[in-house]
Amino acid sequence: MGWEGMVKTTTPKDHLYGDVLEASKIVASRRVNGTFYIAYRFPDKSATNKVAGVVALCEQHYEDGVCWIDFKVMDETMKPFYYDCPRSILNLLSPTADHNALEWREEQLCNREE
């Protein structure tokens, strides 16, 4: 998945919660160094609505005097290479059997022990 951009008319968080992700499915989020770590409720076939990790990169830049906000959103099954997810977000995630998601979660925990 690539980057999505828009002219800044709101804050990055408002744009992320209203235009990029469905706000009602966001369980919790934290922004760390410009990156949003999100516990997001995904509907599944069992109707349990599992909560999975989502990483949203956020960049702001100016072009011709106009402020742009760019986002790149990845879920944990994509094994994003970003490892500053707060433990408070990790604790909200549902159990998973997805290999990439499990590795991503393990990297989060290992990153804190170093």
Protein backbone atom coordinates (compact mmCIF):
# COMPACT_ATOMS: atom_id res chain seq x y z
CA MET A 1 0.00 0.00 0.00
CA GLY A 2 1.31 3.43 -0.90
CA TRP A 3 1.05 6.85 0.62
CA GLU A 4 -2.17 8.86 0.72
CA GLY A 5 -2.01 12.65 0.84
CA MET A 6 -4.34 15.57 1.36
CA VAL A 7 -4.18 19.32 1.82
CA LYS A 8 -4.10 20.14 5.51
CA THR A 9 -7.52 21.30 6.63
CA THR A 10 -7.49 19.41 9.92
CA THR A 11 -4.91 17.97 12.29
CA PRO A 12 -3.14 14.74 11.25
CA LYS A 13 -5.04 12.83 13.96
CA ASP A 14 -8.43 14.18 12.83
CA HIS A 15 -7.68 13.27 9.22
CA LEU A 16 -6.48 9.79 10.17
CA TYR A 17 -9.53 9.15 12.36
CA GLY A 18 -12.08 10.58 9.95
CA ASP A 19 -10.81 10.01 6.43
CA VAL A 20 -8.26 7.19 6.49
CA LEU A 21 -9.59 4.87 9.22
CA GLU A 22 -13.11 4.48 10.55
CA ALA A 23 -13.02 6.31 13.88
CA SER A 24 -15.60 4.05 15.53
CA LYS A 25 -13.27 1.05 15.08
CA ILE A 26 -10.27 2.67 16.77
CA VAL A 27 -9.99 1.18 20.24
CA ALA A 28 -6.97 3.27 21.24
CA SER A 29 -4.00 5.00 19.67
CA ARG A 30 -0.74 6.68 20.59
CA ARG A 31 1.55 8.84 18.51
CA VAL A 32 5.26 8.20 18.91
CA ASN A 33 7.72 10.33 16.91
CA GLY A 34 5.18 11.07 14.18
CA THR A 35 3.99 7.48 13.88
CA PHE A 36 0.54 6.43 15.08
CA TYR A 37 0.22 3.02 16.74
CA ILE A 38 -3.40 1.94 16.77
CA ALA A 39 -5.47 -0.88 18.27
CA TYR A 40 -8.08 -1.27 15.53
CA ARG A 41 -11.22 -3.40 15.56
CA PHE A 42 -11.45 -5.43 12.35
CA PRO A 43 -14.66 -7.32 11.62
CA ASP A 44 -14.10 -11.02 10.98
CA LYS A 45 -16.24 -13.99 9.97
CA SER A 46 -16.77 -15.13 13.56
CA ALA A 47 -18.27 -11.75 14.49
CA THR A 48 -15.78 -11.39 17.34
CA ASN A 49 -14.36 -8.21 15.82
CA LYS A 50 -10.73 -8.91 16.56
CA VAL A 51 -8.46 -6.06 17.59
CA ALA A 52 -5.24 -5.89 15.61
CA GLY A 53 -2.29 -3.54 15.48
CA VAL A 54 -2.10 -0.81 12.86
CA VAL A 55 0.84 1.47 12.14
CA ALA A 56 0.16 4.79 10.42
CA LEU A 57 3.12 6.85 9.28
CA CYS A 58 2.44 10.57 9.11
CA GLU A 59 4.43 13.23 7.32
CA GLN A 60 3.69 16.90 6.74
CA HIS A 61 5.33 18.92 4.01
CA TYR A 62 4.82 22.19 2.14
CA GLU A 63 4.43 22.47 -1.59
CA ASP A 64 3.82 25.84 -3.24
CA GLY A 65 2.89 27.30 0.15
CA VAL A 66 0.28 24.59 0.84
CA CYS A 67 0.63 22.19 3.78
CA TRP A 68 0.12 18.53 2.88
CA ILE A 69 -0.43 15.59 5.22
CA ASP A 70 0.67 12.19 3.91
CA PHE A 71 -0.21 8.86 5.50
CA LYS A 72 0.88 5.30 4.98
CA VAL A 73 -1.24 2.77 6.88
CA MET A 74 -0.12 -0.82 7.51
CA ASP A 75 -1.60 -3.51 9.70
CA GLU A 76 0.52 -5.88 11.76
CA THR A 77 0.12 -8.74 9.24
CA MET A 78 2.27 -6.67 6.87
CA LYS A 79 5.04 -6.78 9.51
CA PRO A 80 5.83 -3.06 9.33
CA PHE A 81 9.39 -2.09 10.18
CA TYR A 82 8.35 0.24 13.01
CA TYR A 83 8.94 -0.94 16.57
CA ASP A 84 7.93 1.79 19.02
CA CYS A 85 4.41 0.55 19.73
CA PRO A 86 3.50 1.36 23.33
CA ARG A 87 2.76 -1.58 25.57
CA SER A 88 -0.66 -0.06 26.33
CA ILE A 89 -1.62 -0.62 22.66
CA LEU A 90 -0.09 -4.10 22.48
CA ASN A 91 -2.10 -5.15 25.55
CA LEU A 92 -5.35 -4.41 23.70
CA LEU A 93 -4.65 -6.67 20.71
CA SER A 94 -6.57 -9.92 20.26
CA PRO A 95 -4.72 -13.24 20.09
CA THR A 96 -3.61 -14.12 16.57
CA ALA A 97 -2.17 -17.04 14.66
CA ASP A 98 -0.79 -14.85 11.87
CA HIS A 99 2.96 -15.45 11.62
CA ASN A 100 3.86 -11.89 10.55
CA ALA A 101 1.70 -10.32 13.25
CA LEU A 102 3.26 -12.56 15.90
CA GLU A 103 6.77 -11.63 14.75
CA TRP A 104 5.89 -7.93 14.72
CA ARG A 105 4.51 -8.15 18.27
CA GLU A 106 7.60 -10.03 19.46
CA GLU A 107 9.86 -7.38 17.94
CA GLN A 108 7.94 -4.72 19.86
CA LEU A 109 8.66 -6.51 23.13
CA CYS A 110 12.32 -7.23 22.24
CA ASN A 111 12.84 -3.58 21.33
CA ARG A 112 12.01 -2.60 24.92
CA GLU A 113 14.35 -5.08 26.55
CA GLU A 114 17.49 -3.75 24.83
